[in-house]
Amino acid sequence: MSVSTGDKLKNLQKRLGFNFFDPSLLRQALTHSSYAYEHPEEDLRDNEILEFLGDSVVGLIIADYFYHLYPDFSEGDLSKYKSLAASTDFLANLARKIGLNNFIFLGKGEEKSGGRKKKTILAGAFEALIGAIYLDRGFEEAKAFLYRLLRLFFQQKILPSRLINNYKSALQEHFQKAKLPPPRYRTVKETGPNHDKSFLVEVCLEDIPLARATGSSKKEAEQRAAEKALKGLLGKKLKGLHHRSFSFESED
């Protein structure tokens, strides 16, 4: 481990407010697959397996947080909050909040293409970090860490009826209100190597194409396609997306 890498890990641990018993877990959490691919001589594991673990840990902690914060809410209402807080957009925002984007190890190609700003990379690194904290310090430490961040954004109640956390959900709800069949998404094209793929996705109403968009993952491309479709259908009735949620005005 180079001095610069060691300093980088120390700086992040200082920012997080605790030191890892096993710093290699933190190193792995920060290692994007593009970096591991370009540096085989370092024999590094990328953060995908920690992201897999962290996804489940994050989901449990978020469910626990809202269960205790809003004990009078229904299961359906709590599910909306959980869906929002576990979304790629929100987790990417948390990653930026703690400055995680400055510590991720990226390959040169991913660095040049603006990888530090990509929501999927940021959200994945954040989930990997939570997975690493869970393995290194235990569930309670991971819970305390994520709780501190959630409190920055969820202190007051947002009416669940106005809480829509992503464009796919909004498009689905719009179609339901209009008594239309659910939107369909299909991957039109997939390009690039495994560590740097690009997806072109089309969203349709039955067999009628509504919009197309690209993304570094199918999920991201679908969100962008849904956004384009909503803007085409609703125009000014669609409110702006921000780190918590967005809403649109219905004609009810």
Foldseek 3Di string as FASTA:
>chain_A
DDPVLVVLLVVLCVLLPHDFPDSLLLVQLQEAPQQCVVCVVVVHHHLQVLLVQLLVLLLVLLLVLCCVLCVPDDPVLSVLQSCQCSDLLQLLVLLVVSPVLVRHDHHPVCVVVPVSNASVNSSSSSSSVLSSCCVGPNSVVSSVSVSVVVCVPDDDDDPSVFFDRALLSQQQVVCVVVVADRKDKDWPDWDDDPSFIKTKMFIARVPHTQFIAMDSDSVVRVRVNSVSSCCVVQPPQWADQDNRGTGGDDPD
